[in-house]
Amino acid sequence: FYEMNATTLKIEDLRKIFKAYTNALQKPLIF
């Protein structure tokens, strides 16, 4: 579970999360 706020959300942070789970069987939930 990753919790973010649209007002402070950084695109680079999103990309890092997606990259970390590229080959993972269980994908994250981004709130």
All heavy atoms as atom14 arrays in JSON, in Angstrom:
{
  "sequence": "FYEMNATTLKIEDLRKIFKAYTNALQKPLIF",
  "atom14_mask": [
    [1, 1, 1, 1, 1, 1, 1, 1, 1, 1, 1, 0, 0, 0],
    [1, 1, 1, 1, 1, 1, 1, 1, 1, 1, 1, 1, 0, 0],
    [1, 1, 1, 1, 1, 1, 1, 1, 1, 0, 0, 0, 0, 0],
    [1, 1, 1, 1, 1, 1, 1, 1, 0, 0, 0, 0, 0, 0],
    [1, 1, 1, 1, 1, 1, 1, 1, 0, 0, 0, 0, 0, 0],
    [1, 1, 1, 1, 1, 0, 0, 0, 0, 0, 0, 0, 0, 0],
    [1, 1, 1, 1, 1, 1, 1, 0, 0, 0, 0, 0, 0, 0],
    [1, 1, 1, 1, 1, 1, 1, 0, 0, 0, 0, 0, 0, 0],
    [1, 1, 1, 1, 1, 1, 1, 1, 0, 0, 0, 0, 0, 0],
    [1, 1, 1, 1, 1, 1, 1, 1, 1, 0, 0, 0, 0, 0],
    [1, 1, 1, 1, 1, 1, 1, 1, 0, 0, 0, 0, 0, 0],
    [1, 1, 1, 1, 1, 1, 1, 1, 1, 0, 0, 0, 0, 0],
    [1, 1, 1, 1, 1, 1, 1, 1, 0, 0, 0, 0, 0, 0],
    [1, 1, 1, 1, 1, 1, 1, 1, 0, 0, 0, 0, 0, 0],
    [1, 1, 1, 1, 1, 1, 1, 1, 1, 1, 1, 0, 0, 0],
    [1, 1, 1, 1, 1, 1, 1, 1, 1, 0, 0, 0, 0, 0],
    [1, 1, 1, 1, 1, 1, 1, 1, 0, 0, 0, 0, 0, 0],
    [1, 1, 1, 1, 1, 1, 1, 1, 1, 1, 1, 0, 0, 0],
    [1, 1, 1, 1, 1, 1, 1, 1, 1, 0, 0, 0, 0, 0],
    [1, 1, 1, 1, 1, 0, 0, 0, 0, 0, 0, 0, 0, 0],
    [1, 1, 1, 1, 1, 1, 1, 1, 1, 1, 1, 1, 0, 0],
    [1, 1, 1, 1, 1, 1, 1, 0, 0, 0, 0, 0, 0, 0],
    [1, 1, 1, 1, 1, 1, 1, 1, 0, 0, 0, 0, 0, 0],
    [1, 1, 1, 1, 1, 0, 0, 0, 0, 0, 0, 0, 0, 0],
    [1, 1, 1, 1, 1, 1, 1, 1, 0, 0, 0, 0, 0, 0],
    [1, 1, 1, 1, 1, 1, 1, 1, 1, 0, 0, 0, 0, 0],
    [1, 1, 1, 1, 1, 1, 1, 1, 1, 0, 0, 0, 0, 0],
    [1, 1, 1, 1, 1, 1, 1, 0, 0, 0, 0, 0, 0, 0],
    [1, 1, 1, 1, 1, 1, 1, 1, 0, 0, 0, 0, 0, 0],
    [1, 1, 1, 1, 1, 1, 1, 1, 0, 0, 0, 0, 0, 0],
    [1, 1, 1, 1, 1, 1, 1, 1, 1, 1, 1, 0, 0, 0]
  ],
  "atom14_positions": [
    [[0.83, -1.21, 0.0], [0.0, 0.0, 0.0], [0.87, 1.26, 0.0], [1.75, 1.43, 0.85], [-0.92, -0.01, 1.23], [-1.88, 1.14, 1.28], [-3.06, 1.12, 0.55], [-1.62, 2.26, 2.08], [-3.97, 2.18, 0.61], [-2.51, 3.31, 2.15], [-3.68, 3.27, 1.41], [0.0, 0.0, 0.0], [0.0, 0.0, 0.0], [0.0, 0.0, 0.0]],
    [[0.61, 2.13, -0.95], [1.3, 3.42, -1.03], [0.26, 4.53, -1.01], [-0.68, 4.52, -1.81], [2.13, 3.52, -2.31], [3.32, 2.59, -2.34], [3.19, 1.29, -2.8], [4.57, 3.02, -1.9], [4.28, 0.42, -2.82], [5.67, 2.16, -1.92], [5.51, 0.87, -2.38], [6.59, 0.01, -2.4], [0.0, 0.0, 0.0], [0.0, 0.0, 0.0]],
    [[0.42, 5.44, -0.07], [-0.54, 6.54, 0.06], [0.1, 7.86, -0.37], [1.17, 8.23, 0.1], [-1.02, 6.65, 1.51], [-2.09, 7.72, 1.71], [-2.68, 7.71, 3.11], [-2.37, 6.77, 3.88], [-3.44, 8.64, 3.44], [0.0, 0.0, 0.0], [0.0, 0.0, 0.0], [0.0, 0.0, 0.0], [0.0, 0.0, 0.0], [0.0, 0.0, 0.0]],
    [[-0.57, 8.56, -1.28], [-0.06, 9.83, -1.8], [-1.18, 10.86, -1.83], [-2.35, 10.53, -1.71], [0.5, 9.64, -3.21], [1.66, 8.67, -3.3], [2.27, 8.52, -4.99], [3.78, 7.58, -4.71], [0.0, 0.0, 0.0], [0.0, 0.0, 0.0], [0.0, 0.0, 0.0], [0.0, 0.0, 0.0], [0.0, 0.0, 0.0], [0.0, 0.0, 0.0]],
    [[-0.78, 12.11, -2.01], [-1.74, 13.2, -2.15], [-1.47, 13.91, -3.47], [-0.31, 14.21, -3.78], [-1.61, 14.19, -0.99], [-2.74, 15.2, -0.98], [-2.88, 16.03, -1.87], [-3.59, 15.14, 0.05], [0.0, 0.0, 0.0], [0.0, 0.0, 0.0], [0.0, 0.0, 0.0], [0.0, 0.0, 0.0], [0.0, 0.0, 0.0], [0.0, 0.0, 0.0]],
    [[-2.51, 14.14, -4.23], [-2.35, 14.73, -5.56], [-1.65, 16.08, -5.53], [-0.96, 16.45, -6.48], [-3.71, 14.86, -6.24], [0.0, 0.0, 0.0], [0.0, 0.0, 0.0], [0.0, 0.0, 0.0], [0.0, 0.0, 0.0], [0.0, 0.0, 0.0], [0.0, 0.0, 0.0], [0.0, 0.0, 0.0], [0.0, 0.0, 0.0], [0.0, 0.0, 0.0]],
    [[-1.81, 16.81, -4.43], [-1.21, 18.15, -4.36], [0.3, 18.12, -4.19], [0.99, 19.09, -4.52], [-1.82, 18.96, -3.2], [-1.58, 18.26, -1.96], [-3.32, 19.14, -3.39], [0.0, 0.0, 0.0], [0.0, 0.0, 0.0], [0.0, 0.0, 0.0], [0.0, 0.0, 0.0], [0.0, 0.0, 0.0], [0.0, 0.0, 0.0], [0.0, 0.0, 0.0]],
    [[0.82, 17.01, -3.67], [2.27, 16.9, -3.45], [2.9, 15.76, -4.24], [4.1, 15.52, -4.12], [2.57, 16.7, -1.95], [1.88, 15.53, -1.48], [2.12, 17.91, -1.14], [0.0, 0.0, 0.0], [0.0, 0.0, 0.0], [0.0, 0.0, 0.0], [0.0, 0.0, 0.0], [0.0, 0.0, 0.0], [0.0, 0.0, 0.0], [0.0, 0.0, 0.0]],
    [[2.09, 15.08, -5.02], [2.57, 13.92, -5.75], [3.62, 14.31, -6.79], [3.42, 15.25, -7.58], [1.39, 13.23, -6.43], [1.66, 11.91, -7.16], [0.43, 11.02, -7.09], [2.01, 12.15, -8.62], [0.0, 0.0, 0.0], [0.0, 0.0, 0.0], [0.0, 0.0, 0.0], [0.0, 0.0, 0.0], [0.0, 0.0, 0.0], [0.0, 0.0, 0.0]],
    [[4.75, 13.59, -6.78], [5.82, 13.82, -7.75], [5.84, 12.67, -8.75], [5.82, 11.5, -8.37], [7.16, 13.95, -7.06], [7.27, 15.16, -6.14], [8.64, 15.23, -5.48], [8.74, 16.45, -4.55], [10.05, 16.5, -3.86], [0.0, 0.0, 0.0], [0.0, 0.0, 0.0], [0.0, 0.0, 0.0], [0.0, 0.0, 0.0], [0.0, 0.0, 0.0]],
    [[5.89, 13.02, -10.0], [5.87, 12.01, -11.06], [7.03, 11.04, -10.9], [6.88, 9.83, -11.13], [5.91, 12.7, -12.44], [4.58, 13.44, -12.68], [6.16, 11.69, -13.55], [4.55, 14.28, -13.93], [0.0, 0.0, 0.0], [0.0, 0.0, 0.0], [0.0, 0.0, 0.0], [0.0, 0.0, 0.0], [0.0, 0.0, 0.0], [0.0, 0.0, 0.0]],
    [[8.18, 11.55, -10.48], [9.35, 10.7, -10.32], [9.12, 9.63, -9.25], [9.57, 8.48, -9.39], [10.58, 11.54, -9.96], [11.9, 10.82, -10.07], [12.13, 10.22, -11.45], [11.79, 10.87, -12.46], [12.62, 9.08, -11.5], [0.0, 0.0, 0.0], [0.0, 0.0, 0.0], [0.0, 0.0, 0.0], [0.0, 0.0, 0.0], [0.0, 0.0, 0.0]],
    [[8.39, 10.0, -8.19], [8.08, 9.03, -7.14], [7.2, 7.9, -7.68], [7.37, 6.73, -7.32], [7.37, 9.72, -5.97], [8.29, 10.67, -5.22], [9.52, 10.49, -5.32], [7.79, 11.58, -4.54], [0.0, 0.0, 0.0], [0.0, 0.0, 0.0], [0.0, 0.0, 0.0], [0.0, 0.0, 0.0], [0.0, 0.0, 0.0], [0.0, 0.0, 0.0]],
    [[6.25, 8.26, -8.53], [5.4, 7.25, -9.14], [6.22, 6.29, -9.99], [6.05, 5.06, -9.9], [4.33, 7.92, -10.02], [3.09, 8.48, -9.33], [2.23, 9.21, -10.35], [2.29, 7.37, -8.67], [0.0, 0.0, 0.0], [0.0, 0.0, 0.0], [0.0, 0.0, 0.0], [0.0, 0.0, 0.0], [0.0, 0.0, 0.0], [0.0, 0.0, 0.0]],
    [[7.08, 6.85, -10.79], [7.9, 6.01, -11.68], [8.77, 5.04, -10.88], [8.98, 3.89, -11.28], [8.75, 6.9, -12.58], [7.94, 7.65, -13.65], [8.83, 8.15, -14.76], [8.06, 8.69, -15.87], [7.97, 9.98, -16.18], [8.62, 10.88, -15.44], [7.28, 10.39, -17.21], [0.0, 0.0, 0.0], [0.0, 0.0, 0.0], [0.0, 0.0, 0.0]],
    [[9.29, 5.49, -9.74], [10.13, 4.64, -8.9], [9.33, 3.45, -8.37], [9.83, 2.32, -8.33], [10.71, 5.44, -7.73], [11.82, 6.39, -8.13], [12.34, 7.16, -6.91], [13.46, 8.12, -7.3], [13.92, 8.92, -6.13], [0.0, 0.0, 0.0], [0.0, 0.0, 0.0], [0.0, 0.0, 0.0], [0.0, 0.0, 0.0], [0.0, 0.0, 0.0]],
    [[8.1, 3.71, -7.97], [7.25, 2.63, -7.46], [6.96, 1.62, -8.56], [7.1, 0.4, -8.37], [5.93, 3.19, -6.89], [6.2, 4.07, -5.67], [4.98, 2.05, -6.52], [4.98, 4.8, -5.15], [0.0, 0.0, 0.0], [0.0, 0.0, 0.0], [0.0, 0.0, 0.0], [0.0, 0.0, 0.0], [0.0, 0.0, 0.0], [0.0, 0.0, 0.0]],
    [[6.56, 2.12, -9.72], [6.25, 1.22, -10.83], [7.46, 0.39, -11.23], [7.36, -0.81, -11.51], [5.74, 2.03, -12.03], [4.39, 2.66, -11.81], [4.18, 4.0, -12.12], [3.34, 1.93, -11.29], [2.95, 4.59, -11.93], [2.09, 2.5, -11.08], [1.9, 3.84, -11.41], [0.0, 0.0, 0.0], [0.0, 0.0, 0.0], [0.0, 0.0, 0.0]],
    [[8.63, 1.03, -11.23], [9.87, 0.32, -11.61], [10.2, -0.78, -10.61], [10.64, -1.88, -10.99], [11.02, 1.32, -11.71], [12.31, 0.7, -12.21], [13.41, 1.76, -12.35], [14.7, 1.13, -12.86], [15.78, 2.15, -12.99], [0.0, 0.0, 0.0], [0.0, 0.0, 0.0], [0.0, 0.0, 0.0], [0.0, 0.0, 0.0], [0.0, 0.0, 0.0]],
    [[9.97, -0.48, -9.32], [10.3, -1.46, -8.27], [9.47, -2.73, -8.39], [9.87, -3.8, -7.92], [10.11, -0.82, -6.9], [0.0, 0.0, 0.0], [0.0, 0.0, 0.0], [0.0, 0.0, 0.0], [0.0, 0.0, 0.0], [0.0, 0.0, 0.0], [0.0, 0.0, 0.0], [0.0, 0.0, 0.0], [0.0, 0.0, 0.0], [0.0, 0.0, 0.0]],
    [[8.27, -2.64, -9.0], [7.39, -3.8, -9.09], [7.24, -4.3, -10.52], [6.31, -5.04, -10.83], [6.0, -3.44, -8.53], [6.0, -3.25, -7.03], [6.26, -2.01, -6.47], [5.76, -4.32, -6.18], [6.27, -1.83, -5.1], [5.76, -4.16, -4.81], [6.03, -2.91, -4.27], [6.04, -2.74, -2.91], [0.0, 0.0, 0.0], [0.0, 0.0, 0.0]],
    [[8.2, -3.94, -11.37], [8.11, -4.33, -12.78], [7.96, -5.84, -12.96], [7.11, -6.32, -13.71], [9.35, -3.86, -13.55], [9.45, -2.43, -13.46], [9.27, -4.27, -15.02], [0.0, 0.0, 0.0], [0.0, 0.0, 0.0], [0.0, 0.0, 0.0], [0.0, 0.0, 0.0], [0.0, 0.0, 0.0], [0.0, 0.0, 0.0], [0.0, 0.0, 0.0]],
    [[8.78, -6.6, -12.26], [8.76, -8.06, -12.42], [8.08, -8.79, -11.25], [8.16, -10.02, -11.15], [10.19, -8.58, -12.58], [10.86, -8.0, -13.82], [10.26, -7.97, -14.89], [12.11, -7.54, -13.66], [0.0, 0.0, 0.0], [0.0, 0.0, 0.0], [0.0, 0.0, 0.0], [0.0, 0.0, 0.0], [0.0, 0.0, 0.0], [0.0, 0.0, 0.0]],
    [[7.45, -8.03, -10.37], [6.8, -8.64, -9.2], [5.47, -9.29, -9.58], [4.74, -8.8, -10.46], [6.56, -7.58, -8.13], [0.0, 0.0, 0.0], [0.0, 0.0, 0.0], [0.0, 0.0, 0.0], [0.0, 0.0, 0.0], [0.0, 0.0, 0.0], [0.0, 0.0, 0.0], [0.0, 0.0, 0.0], [0.0, 0.0, 0.0], [0.0, 0.0, 0.0]],
    [[5.18, -10.41, -8.93], [3.91, -11.09, -9.18], [2.74, -10.31, -8.58], [1.65, -10.24, -9.15], [3.96, -12.5, -8.6], [4.92, -13.47, -9.27], [4.94, -14.8, -8.51], [4.54, -13.69, -10.73], [0.0, 0.0, 0.0], [0.0, 0.0, 0.0], [0.0, 0.0, 0.0], [0.0, 0.0, 0.0], [0.0, 0.0, 0.0], [0.0, 0.0, 0.0]],
    [[2.97, -9.72, -7.41], [1.93, -8.96, -6.73], [2.17, -7.47, -6.93], [3.18, -6.93, -6.49], [1.89, -9.29, -5.24], [0.71, -8.69, -4.49], [-0.63, -9.2, -4.99], [-1.06, -8.9, -6.11], [-1.3, -9.99, -4.16], [0.0, 0.0, 0.0], [0.0, 0.0, 0.0], [0.0, 0.0, 0.0], [0.0, 0.0, 0.0], [0.0, 0.0, 0.0]],
    [[1.27, -6.81, -7.62], [1.42, -5.39, -7.91], [0.9, -4.55, -6.74], [0.02, -4.98, -5.98], [0.66, -5.02, -9.18], [1.09, -5.83, -10.41], [2.57, -5.65, -10.73], [2.97, -6.41, -12.0], [4.4, -6.29, -12.29], [0.0, 0.0, 0.0], [0.0, 0.0, 0.0], [0.0, 0.0, 0.0], [0.0, 0.0, 0.0], [0.0, 0.0, 0.0]],
    [[1.41, -3.34, -6.58], [1.0, -2.5, -5.45], [-0.35, -1.82, -5.66], [-0.85, -1.75, -6.78], [2.12, -1.45, -5.38], [2.53, -1.29, -6.81], [2.45, -2.68, -7.39], [0.0, 0.0, 0.0], [0.0, 0.0, 0.0], [0.0, 0.0, 0.0], [0.0, 0.0, 0.0], [0.0, 0.0, 0.0], [0.0, 0.0, 0.0], [0.0, 0.0, 0.0]],
    [[-0.91, -1.35, -4.55], [-2.09, -0.49, -4.6], [-1.62, 0.92, -4.29], [-1.05, 1.17, -3.22], [-3.16, -0.94, -3.6], [-4.51, -0.23, -3.66], [-5.61, -1.13, -3.07], [-4.52, 1.12, -2.94], [0.0, 0.0, 0.0], [0.0, 0.0, 0.0], [0.0, 0.0, 0.0], [0.0, 0.0, 0.0], [0.0, 0.0, 0.0], [0.0, 0.0, 0.0]],
    [[-1.82, 1.82, -5.21], [-1.42, 3.21, -5.01], [-2.68, 4.04, -4.75], [-3.57, 4.14, -5.6], [-0.67, 3.76, -6.23], [0.62, 2.96, -6.44], [-0.34, 5.24, -6.03], [1.42, 3.37, -7.65], [0.0, 0.0, 0.0], [0.0, 0.0, 0.0], [0.0, 0.0, 0.0], [0.0, 0.0, 0.0], [0.0, 0.0, 0.0], [0.0, 0.0, 0.0]],
    [[-2.74, 4.59, -3.55], [-3.89, 5.4, -3.14], [-3.54, 6.87, -3.29], [-2.54, 7.34, -2.72], [-4.28, 5.09, -1.7], [-5.38, 5.96, -1.16], [-6.69, 5.76, -1.57], [-5.1, 6.99, -0.27], [-7.72, 6.58, -1.08], [-6.12, 7.8, 0.22], [-7.43, 7.59, -0.19], [0.0, 0.0, 0.0], [0.0, 0.0, 0.0], [0.0, 0.0, 0.0]]
  ]
}
